[in-house]
Every structure is written in C-alpha cells, then in structure tokens.
Amino acid sequence: MQDNDLRPTSRRSFLGALASTTAALSVSTIAAPLSASAKTISKNLHYKDDPEEWFKKLNGKHRMVFDVTKPNDMLPFAWPRVFLMTNGATGTPEKDTNAVVVLRHNAIPYAMNDSLWAKYQFGDRYKIIDPLTKASAVRNPFWKPKTGDFAIPGVGNVAIGINELQDSGVLFCVCDVALTVNSAGMAQAMGANAADVKKEWVAGLLPGIQVMPSGLWAVGRAQEHGCTYCFAG
C-alpha cells in the first residue's frame, strides 16, 4: 500500500474529502465490501477464535452486554467497571461476573492501536477528545491510559482502560461489517486500496479483541448466552 501519512497541513482537505466520500456512499458502493465481508465471514478468515465458541466463555452468575455504537465520553468503559464493582460490593466477585463490550458502528476505533489513530486521524473523524490534551485524540485514550486520565467525582481515579478491564475479565469484540464499511470509506477518501486499509486495521486490533461477523450478531449472541442488555453509547 502506498504511503498515506497524513500531515497536519493536509488535515483539512483530507477530512473534507472523507466527509464528502462518506456522504456519497450509496447502497451500491457499500454492497461490494459487504459482499466481500460475507464471503470472509463464511470462511472465518479474520477470527482468532470461533465467534460461537467465544461466547461459551460466559459462565458467570451475573452477565451484561454493553452495546457501544459511538464515542460516549468514558461511559462505555466506566459502566463495565461499575458493573463489576457493584456486583463485588454485593457479594459476587469479578471471577463470577461477566461483562461483554461490543464495539460497533462509529465506536470501532477503540478496538485499534495508537499508530492507526495517528495515521487515520480517528480523533478528528469520530469526534473523540483526548482527556489530557483536550484536543482531538491521536492515540487510543482507553488503551493503557496514563495516570490521571480518568477520574469520577466522589470516586477518584478509576481503572477503565481496555487493558485494565480485560485484566478484570471483561471481554471486548468488534464488528467486522463496520470494519469493512468504514475502512472502505477511508480508503476511497485517501485514494488507497480498500482491502489494504482493512487488512491494516485488522492487523492493528488490540490484543484480546475478537472480531465478530457483525456487532448486531454479537449483541444478539450475548443475550442468548444470558447477558442482560445495556446501551452504552
């Protein structure tokens, strides 16, 4: 793939092109990548673990799925922590509690590493503000956050980084359809190859994040495996 490093001087023109491209995406434009994705899904090419088997990890006494469709400040990550904390306070330890976070639609950047945030300007594209700089994020704020990044009034600093939540047993997954459609739109705006961009995004997923056929599929499967539903953004 060609070098598509996005310099600050080109940010405005790039974002304008991306906005125009996204607005112009028609059903026929989206149909091709979705069709390709369906073929990929049928062969399980992108899955580190079988999606159906992945949900068999859910065996806790209390289970909840957090449906994240867009950036919503710290809430998509604070709520799973609160779920674990309050179950612990009422007698159910973390090991007996299951929380599943489904990253789909415009929340998929949270599934990716810092280098992709910087290269593809996810902070600008998805309107995500860095809690420390108060500017558009050029890193994933919820991957290995810095000390003091997140504090809740009356509680203080909270461990709501994706890595910290994973250490507490929280499971994260991401929508393959959203990866396909969003990477195709990004590639078109950049004049890049859609397959190459998606391949780079999949390679840049954070450790432990499972790719699902779709976020909707994952939300449904989680509920079939005993999770109550919480809309988180």
C-alpha atoms as a PDB file:
ATOM      1  CA  MET A   1       0.000   0.000   0.000  1.00  0.00           C
ATOM      2  CA  GLN A   2       1.257   3.438  -0.788  1.00  0.00           C
ATOM      3  CA  ASP A   3       2.476   5.733   1.987  1.00  0.00           C
ATOM      4  CA  ASN A   4      -0.573   7.659   3.103  1.00  0.00           C
ATOM      5  CA  ASP A   5       0.925   9.537   6.028  1.00  0.00           C
ATOM      6  CA  LEU A   6      -1.435  12.400   6.828  1.00  0.00           C
ATOM      7  CA  ARG A   7       0.478  15.584   7.587  1.00  0.00           C
ATOM      8  CA  PRO A   8      -1.152  18.349   9.680  1.00  0.00           C
ATOM      9  CA  THR A   9      -1.100  20.635   6.650  1.00  0.00           C
ATOM     10  CA  SER A  10      -3.333  18.235   4.752  1.00  0.00           C
ATOM     11  CA  ARG A  11      -5.760  17.553   7.591  1.00  0.00           C
ATOM     12  CA  ARG A  12      -8.485  19.957   6.479  1.00  0.00           C
ATOM     13  CA  SER A  13      -8.521  18.790   2.874  1.00  0.00           C
ATOM     14  CA  PHE A  14      -8.418  15.141   3.912  1.00  0.00           C
ATOM     15  CA  LEU A  15     -11.313  15.488   6.343  1.00  0.00           C
ATOM     16  CA  GLY A  16     -13.311  17.384   3.748  1.00  0.00           C
ATOM     17  CA  ALA A  17     -12.719  14.638   1.227  1.00  0.00           C
ATOM     18  CA  LEU A  18     -13.605  11.987   3.771  1.00  0.00           C
ATOM     19  CA  ALA A  19     -16.839  13.742   4.721  1.00  0.00           C
ATOM     20  CA  SER A  20     -17.815  14.095   1.075  1.00  0.00           C
ATOM     21  CA  THR A  21     -16.962  10.485   0.364  1.00  0.00           C
ATOM     22  CA  THR A  22     -18.901   9.210   3.368  1.00  0.00           C
ATOM     23  CA  ALA A  23     -21.937  11.278   2.424  1.00  0.00           C
ATOM     24  CA  ALA A  24     -21.774   9.983  -1.126  1.00  0.00           C
ATOM     25  CA  LEU A  25     -21.624   6.315  -0.190  1.00  0.00           C
ATOM     26  CA  SER A  26     -24.599   4.702  -1.918  1.00  0.00           C
ATOM     27  CA  VAL A  27     -26.127   1.292  -1.419  1.00  0.00           C
ATOM     28  CA  SER A  28     -24.200   0.036  -4.434  1.00  0.00           C
ATOM     29  CA  THR A  29     -20.944   1.432  -3.033  1.00  0.00           C
ATOM     30  CA  ILE A  30     -21.449  -0.314   0.296  1.00  0.00           C
ATOM     31  CA  ALA A  31     -22.767  -3.528  -1.228  1.00  0.00           C
ATOM     32  CA  ALA A  32     -19.408  -4.608  -2.674  1.00  0.00           C
ATOM     33  CA  PRO A  33     -17.418  -4.549   0.581  1.00  0.00           C
ATOM     34  CA  LEU A  34     -20.338  -6.126   2.433  1.00  0.00           C
ATOM     35  CA  SER A  35     -20.483  -8.918  -0.109  1.00  0.00           C
ATOM     36  CA  ALA A  36     -16.766  -9.492   0.265  1.00  0.00           C
ATOM     37  CA  SER A  37     -17.169  -9.441   4.036  1.00  0.00           C
ATOM     38  CA  ALA A  38     -19.904 -12.074   3.851  1.00  0.00           C
ATOM     39  CA  LYS A  39     -17.542 -14.395   1.985  1.00  0.00           C
ATOM     40  CA  THR A  40     -14.869 -13.753   4.606  1.00  0.00           C
ATOM     41  CA  ILE A  41     -17.327 -14.434   7.403  1.00  0.00           C
ATOM     42  CA  SER A  42     -18.281 -17.776   5.888  1.00  0.00           C
ATOM     43  CA  LYS A  43     -14.639 -18.854   5.928  1.00  0.00           C
ATOM     44  CA  ASN A  44     -13.805 -17.412   9.376  1.00  0.00           C
ATOM     45  CA  LEU A  45     -10.676 -15.780   7.891  1.00  0.00           C
ATOM     46  CA  HIS A  46     -10.422 -12.933  10.397  1.00  0.00           C
ATOM     47  CA  TYR A  47     -11.274 -14.722  13.613  1.00  0.00           C
ATOM     48  CA  LYS A  48      -8.617 -15.575  16.159  1.00  0.00           C
ATOM     49  CA  ASP A  49     -11.273 -17.705  17.869  1.00  0.00           C
ATOM     50  CA  ASP A  50     -14.534 -19.077  16.530  1.00  0.00           C
ATOM     51  CA  PRO A  51     -17.220 -16.451  17.324  1.00  0.00           C
ATOM     52  CA  GLU A  52     -19.728 -19.033  18.546  1.00  0.00           C
ATOM     53  CA  GLU A  53     -17.131 -20.685  20.775  1.00  0.00           C
ATOM     54  CA  TRP A  54     -16.030 -17.295  22.125  1.00  0.00           C
ATOM     55  CA  PHE A  55     -19.388 -16.794  23.835  1.00  0.00           C
ATOM     56  CA  LYS A  56     -19.039 -20.085  25.674  1.00  0.00           C
ATOM     57  CA  LYS A  57     -16.614 -18.238  27.950  1.00  0.00           C
ATOM     58  CA  LEU A  58     -19.665 -16.672  29.603  1.00  0.00           C
ATOM     59  CA  ASN A  59     -20.364 -18.709  32.709  1.00  0.00           C
ATOM     60  CA  GLY A  60     -20.704 -16.073  35.424  1.00  0.00           C
ATOM     61  CA  LYS A  61     -23.588 -15.714  37.832  1.00  0.00           C
ATOM     62  CA  HIS A  62     -24.314 -12.192  36.551  1.00  0.00           C
ATOM     63  CA  ARG A  63     -23.813 -11.224  32.893  1.00  0.00           C
ATOM     64  CA  MET A  64     -24.255  -7.984  30.945  1.00  0.00           C
ATOM     65  CA  VAL A  65     -23.501  -6.867  27.380  1.00  0.00           C
ATOM     66  CA  PHE A  66     -22.620  -3.218  26.746  1.00  0.00           C
ATOM     67  CA  ASP A  67     -23.641  -2.107  23.252  1.00  0.00           C
ATOM     68  CA  VAL A  68     -21.297   0.676  22.083  1.00  0.00           C
ATOM     69  CA  THR A  69     -22.258   2.294  18.768  1.00  0.00           C
ATOM     70  CA  LYS A  70     -20.397   5.607  19.070  1.00  0.00           C
ATOM     71  CA  PRO A  71     -17.945   7.508  21.289  1.00  0.00           C
ATOM     72  CA  ASN A  72     -19.717   8.469  24.504  1.00  0.00           C
ATOM     73  CA  ASP A  73     -17.031  10.047  26.688  1.00  0.00           C
ATOM     74  CA  MET A  74     -15.842   7.490  29.278  1.00  0.00           C
ATOM     75  CA  LEU A  75     -19.212   5.804  29.783  1.00  0.00           C
ATOM     76  CA  PRO A  76     -18.705   2.729  27.523  1.00  0.00           C
ATOM     77  CA  PHE A  77     -15.746   1.807  29.731  1.00  0.00           C
ATOM     78  CA  ALA A  78     -16.836   3.214  33.099  1.00  0.00           C
ATOM     79  CA  TRP A  79     -20.091   1.265  33.103  1.00  0.00           C
ATOM     80  CA  PRO A  80     -18.461  -2.189  32.837  1.00  0.00           C
ATOM     81  CA  ARG A  81     -16.206  -1.221  35.750  1.00  0.00           C
ATOM     82  CA  VAL A  82     -19.187  -0.041  37.798  1.00  0.00           C
ATOM     83  CA  PHE A  83     -20.965  -3.303  36.963  1.00  0.00           C
ATOM     84  CA  LEU A  84     -18.017  -5.291  38.308  1.00  0.00           C
ATOM     85  CA  MET A  85     -17.523  -3.058  41.352  1.00  0.00           C
ATOM     86  CA  THR A  86     -21.139  -3.077  42.467  1.00  0.00           C
ATOM     87  CA  ASN A  87     -21.506  -6.811  41.973  1.00  0.00           C
ATOM     88  CA  GLY A  88     -18.372  -7.219  44.060  1.00  0.00           C
ATOM     89  CA  ALA A  89     -19.823  -4.973  46.749  1.00  0.00           C
ATOM     90  CA  THR A  90     -22.962  -7.119  46.863  1.00  0.00           C
ATOM     91  CA  GLY A  91     -21.192 -10.439  47.143  1.00  0.00           C
ATOM     92  CA  THR A  92     -20.279 -11.581  43.591  1.00  0.00           C
ATOM     93  CA  PRO A  93     -16.532 -11.378  42.803  1.00  0.00           C
ATOM     94  CA  GLU A  94     -15.169 -10.472  39.378  1.00  0.00           C
ATOM     95  CA  LYS A  95     -14.461 -14.088  38.506  1.00  0.00           C
ATOM     96  CA  ASP A  96     -18.179 -14.870  38.794  1.00  0.00           C
ATOM     97  CA  THR A  97     -19.321 -11.824  36.804  1.00  0.00           C
ATOM     98  CA  ASN A  98     -19.265 -11.453  33.005  1.00  0.00           C
ATOM     99  CA  ALA A  99     -19.180  -8.163  31.101  1.00  0.00           C
ATOM    100  CA  VAL A 100     -19.051  -8.064  27.301  1.00  0.00           C
ATOM    101  CA  VAL A 101     -18.333  -4.836  25.394  1.00  0.00           C
ATOM    102  CA  VAL A 102     -19.403  -4.782  21.734  1.00  0.00           C
ATOM    103  CA  LEU A 103     -17.655  -2.056  19.698  1.00  0.00           C
ATOM    104  CA  ARG A 104     -19.618  -1.390  16.529  1.00  0.00           C
ATOM    105  CA  HIS A 105     -20.640   1.353  14.072  1.00  0.00           C
ATOM    106  CA  ASN A 106     -18.669   4.523  14.962  1.00  0.00           C
ATOM    107  CA  ALA A 107     -17.074   3.045  18.095  1.00  0.00           C
ATOM    108  CA  ILE A 108     -14.694   0.735  16.240  1.00  0.00           C
ATOM    109  CA  PRO A 109     -11.593   2.977  16.595  1.00  0.00           C
ATOM    110  CA  TYR A 110     -11.470   1.967  20.263  1.00  0.00           C
ATOM    111  CA  ALA A 111     -10.560  -1.534  19.077  1.00  0.00           C
ATOM    112  CA  MET A 112      -7.391  -0.287  17.338  1.00  0.00           C
ATOM    113  CA  ASN A 113      -3.887   0.665  18.386  1.00  0.00           C
ATOM    114  CA  ASP A 114      -2.291   4.097  18.715  1.00  0.00           C
ATOM    115  CA  SER A 115      -0.449   4.004  15.393  1.00  0.00           C
ATOM    116  CA  LEU A 116      -3.723   3.682  13.485  1.00  0.00           C
ATOM    117  CA  TRP A 117      -5.253   6.547  15.480  1.00  0.00           C
ATOM    118  CA  ALA A 118      -2.368   8.773  14.463  1.00  0.00           C
ATOM    119  CA  LYS A 119      -2.266   7.720  10.816  1.00  0.00           C
ATOM    120  CA  TYR A 120      -6.012   7.786  10.135  1.00  0.00           C
ATOM    121  CA  GLN A 121      -6.893  10.712  12.430  1.00  0.00           C
ATOM    122  CA  PHE A 122      -9.622   8.825  14.230  1.00  0.00           C
ATOM    123  CA  GLY A 123      -9.934  11.612  16.801  1.00  0.00           C
ATOM    124  CA  ASP A 124     -10.929  14.115  14.124  1.00  0.00           C
ATOM    125  CA  ARG A 125     -13.019  11.669  12.126  1.00  0.00           C
ATOM    126  CA  TYR A 126     -15.024  10.319  15.053  1.00  0.00           C
ATOM    127  CA  LYS A 127     -15.004  13.435  17.289  1.00  0.00           C
ATOM    128  CA  ILE A 128     -13.010  11.871  20.122  1.00  0.00           C
ATOM    129  CA  ILE A 129     -11.206  14.208  22.530  1.00  0.00           C
ATOM    130  CA  ASP A 130      -8.064  13.206  24.404  1.00  0.00           C
ATOM    131  CA  PRO A 131      -8.806  13.612  28.154  1.00  0.00           C
ATOM    132  CA  LEU A 132      -5.338  15.044  28.811  1.00  0.00           C
ATOM    133  CA  THR A 133      -4.720  17.359  25.850  1.00  0.00           C
ATOM    134  CA  LYS A 134      -8.396  18.300  25.334  1.00  0.00           C
ATOM    135  CA  ALA A 135      -7.665  18.137  21.592  1.00  0.00           C
ATOM    136  CA  SER A 136      -8.664  15.534  19.031  1.00  0.00           C
ATOM    137  CA  ALA A 137      -7.137  12.245  20.132  1.00  0.00           C
ATOM    138  CA  VAL A 138      -4.149  10.909  18.200  1.00  0.00           C
ATOM    139  CA  ARG A 139      -3.930   7.866  20.479  1.00  0.00           C
ATOM    140  CA  ASN A 140      -6.457   5.400  21.807  1.00  0.00           C
ATOM    141  CA  PRO A 141      -7.316   7.048  25.150  1.00  0.00           C
ATOM    142  CA  PHE A 142      -8.578   3.781  26.605  1.00  0.00           C
ATOM    143  CA  TRP A 143      -5.586   1.595  25.776  1.00  0.00           C
ATOM    144  CA  LYS A 144      -3.040   1.629  28.610  1.00  0.00           C
ATOM    145  CA  PRO A 145      -4.238   5.073  29.798  1.00  0.00           C
ATOM    146  CA  LYS A 146      -1.918   7.386  31.643  1.00  0.00           C
ATOM    147  CA  THR A 147      -2.219   8.009  35.372  1.00  0.00           C
ATOM    148  CA  GLY A 148      -4.909  10.598  35.994  1.00  0.00           C
ATOM    149  CA  ASP A 149      -6.598  10.208  32.623  1.00  0.00           C
ATOM    150  CA  PHE A 150      -9.897   9.206  34.146  1.00  0.00           C
ATOM    151  CA  ALA A 151     -11.484  10.253  37.408  1.00  0.00           C
ATOM    152  CA  ILE A 152     -15.072  10.121  38.614  1.00  0.00           C
ATOM    153  CA  PRO A 153     -16.332  12.741  41.102  1.00  0.00           C
ATOM    154  CA  GLY A 154     -16.678  11.176  44.521  1.00  0.00           C
ATOM    155  CA  VAL A 155     -14.685   8.115  43.443  1.00  0.00           C
ATOM    156  CA  GLY A 156     -11.346   9.383  42.143  1.00  0.00           C
ATOM    157  CA  ASN A 157      -9.133   7.713  39.544  1.00  0.00           C
ATOM    158  CA  VAL A 158     -10.733   4.635  38.017  1.00  0.00           C
ATOM    159  CA  ALA A 159      -9.204   1.699  36.142  1.00  0.00           C
ATOM    160  CA  ILE A 160     -11.245   1.843  32.934  1.00  0.00           C
ATOM    161  CA  GLY A 161      -8.555   1.267  30.333  1.00  0.00           C
ATOM    162  CA  ILE A 162      -9.380  -1.588  27.964  1.00  0.00           C
ATOM    163  CA  ASN A 163      -6.300  -3.455  29.212  1.00  0.00           C
ATOM    164  CA  GLU A 164      -7.348  -2.886  32.835  1.00  0.00           C
ATOM    165  CA  LEU A 165     -10.877  -4.106  32.156  1.00  0.00           C
ATOM    166  CA  GLN A 166      -9.515  -7.141  30.322  1.00  0.00           C
ATOM    167  CA  ASP A 167      -7.402  -7.905  33.401  1.00  0.00           C
ATOM    168  CA  SER A 168     -10.706  -7.976  35.324  1.00  0.00           C
ATOM    169  CA  GLY A 169     -12.197 -10.440  32.858  1.00  0.00           C
ATOM    170  CA  VAL A 170     -14.174  -8.048  30.641  1.00  0.00           C
ATOM    171  CA  LEU A 171     -14.482  -9.345  27.059  1.00  0.00           C
ATOM    172  CA  PHE A 172     -14.221  -6.993  24.069  1.00  0.00           C
ATOM    173  CA  CYS A 173     -15.279  -7.616  20.487  1.00  0.00           C
ATOM    174  CA  VAL A 174     -15.595  -5.533  17.311  1.00  0.00           C
ATOM    175  CA  CYS A 175     -17.949  -5.542  14.321  1.00  0.00           C
ATOM    176  CA  ASP A 176     -16.493  -6.889  11.059  1.00  0.00           C
ATOM    177  CA  VAL A 177     -19.164  -5.165   8.965  1.00  0.00           C
ATOM    178  CA  ALA A 178     -18.231  -1.788  10.476  1.00  0.00           C
ATOM    179  CA  LEU A 179     -14.538  -2.506   9.892  1.00  0.00           C
ATOM    180  CA  THR A 180     -15.313  -3.294   6.254  1.00  0.00           C
ATOM    181  CA  VAL A 181     -17.548  -0.289   5.514  1.00  0.00           C
ATOM    182  CA  ASN A 182     -15.521   2.302   7.456  1.00  0.00           C
ATOM    183  CA  SER A 183     -12.178   1.179   6.045  1.00  0.00           C
ATOM    184  CA  ALA A 184     -13.647   1.276   2.525  1.00  0.00           C
ATOM    185  CA  GLY A 185     -14.855   4.839   3.027  1.00  0.00           C
ATOM    186  CA  MET A 186     -11.485   5.843   4.462  1.00  0.00           C
ATOM    187  CA  ALA A 187      -9.645   4.211   1.567  1.00  0.00           C
ATOM    188  CA  GLN A 188     -11.793   5.988  -1.002  1.00  0.00           C
ATOM    189  CA  ALA A 189     -11.109   9.374   0.616  1.00  0.00           C
ATOM    190  CA  MET A 190      -7.379   8.665   0.677  1.00  0.00           C
ATOM    191  CA  GLY A 191      -7.131   7.167  -2.789  1.00  0.00           C
ATOM    192  CA  ALA A 192      -5.952   3.904  -1.258  1.00  0.00           C
ATOM    193  CA  ASN A 193      -6.929   0.284  -1.760  1.00  0.00           C
ATOM    194  CA  ALA A 194      -9.870  -0.716   0.446  1.00  0.00           C
ATOM    195  CA  ALA A 195      -8.603  -4.262   1.016  1.00  0.00           C
ATOM    196  CA  ASP A 196      -5.202  -2.938   2.101  1.00  0.00           C
ATOM    197  CA  VAL A 197      -6.712  -0.471   4.558  1.00  0.00           C
ATOM    198  CA  LYS A 198      -8.952  -3.094   6.123  1.00  0.00           C
ATOM    199  CA  LYS A 199      -6.046  -5.529   6.351  1.00  0.00           C
ATOM    200  CA  GLU A 200      -4.046  -2.881   8.201  1.00  0.00           C
ATOM    201  CA  TRP A 201      -6.954  -2.160  10.566  1.00  0.00           C
ATOM    202  CA  VAL A 202      -7.423  -5.841  11.373  1.00  0.00           C
ATOM    203  CA  ALA A 203      -3.674  -6.248  11.952  1.00  0.00           C
ATOM    204  CA  GLY A 204      -3.798  -3.230  14.275  1.00  0.00           C
ATOM    205  CA  LEU A 205      -6.548  -4.539  16.551  1.00  0.00           C
ATOM    206  CA  LEU A 206      -5.665  -4.535  20.231  1.00  0.00           C
ATOM    207  CA  PRO A 207      -4.690  -7.829  21.885  1.00  0.00           C
ATOM    208  CA  GLY A 208      -7.630  -9.889  23.043  1.00  0.00           C
ATOM    209  CA  ILE A 209     -10.285  -8.170  20.917  1.00  0.00           C
ATOM    210  CA  GLN A 210     -12.414 -10.646  18.985  1.00  0.00           C
ATOM    211  CA  VAL A 211     -13.736  -9.861  15.501  1.00  0.00           C
ATOM    212  CA  MET A 212     -17.437 -10.677  15.174  1.00  0.00           C
ATOM    213  CA  PRO A 213     -19.461 -11.162  11.961  1.00  0.00           C
ATOM    214  CA  SER A 214     -21.348  -8.028  12.988  1.00  0.00           C
ATOM    215  CA  GLY A 215     -21.919  -6.055  16.159  1.00  0.00           C
ATOM    216  CA  LEU A 216     -25.628  -6.807  15.973  1.00  0.00           C
ATOM    217  CA  TRP A 217     -24.823 -10.518  15.734  1.00  0.00           C
ATOM    218  CA  ALA A 218     -22.626 -10.213  18.826  1.00  0.00           C
ATOM    219  CA  VAL A 219     -25.256  -8.307  20.832  1.00  0.00           C
ATOM    220  CA  GLY A 220     -27.781 -10.989  19.981  1.00  0.00           C
ATOM    221  CA  ARG A 221     -25.466 -13.879  20.826  1.00  0.00           C
ATOM    222  CA  ALA A 222     -24.503 -12.283  24.139  1.00  0.00           C
ATOM    223  CA  GLN A 223     -28.161 -12.116  25.155  1.00  0.00           C
ATOM    224  CA  GLU A 224     -28.706 -15.699  24.030  1.00  0.00           C
ATOM    225  CA  HIS A 225     -25.889 -16.605  26.431  1.00  0.00           C
ATOM    226  CA  GLY A 226     -27.593 -14.972  29.378  1.00  0.00           C
ATOM    227  CA  CYS A 227     -26.411 -11.346  29.216  1.00  0.00           C
ATOM    228  CA  THR A 228     -28.777  -8.523  30.066  1.00  0.00           C
ATOM    229  CA  TYR A 229     -28.541  -5.562  27.664  1.00  0.00           C
ATOM    230  CA  CYS A 230     -27.109  -2.110  28.339  1.00  0.00           C
ATOM    231  CA  PHE A 231     -26.901   0.595  25.654  1.00  0.00           C
ATOM    232  CA  ALA A 232     -23.584   2.332  26.311  1.00  0.00           C
ATOM    233  CA  GLY A 233     -23.292   4.876  23.517  1.00  0.00           C
END
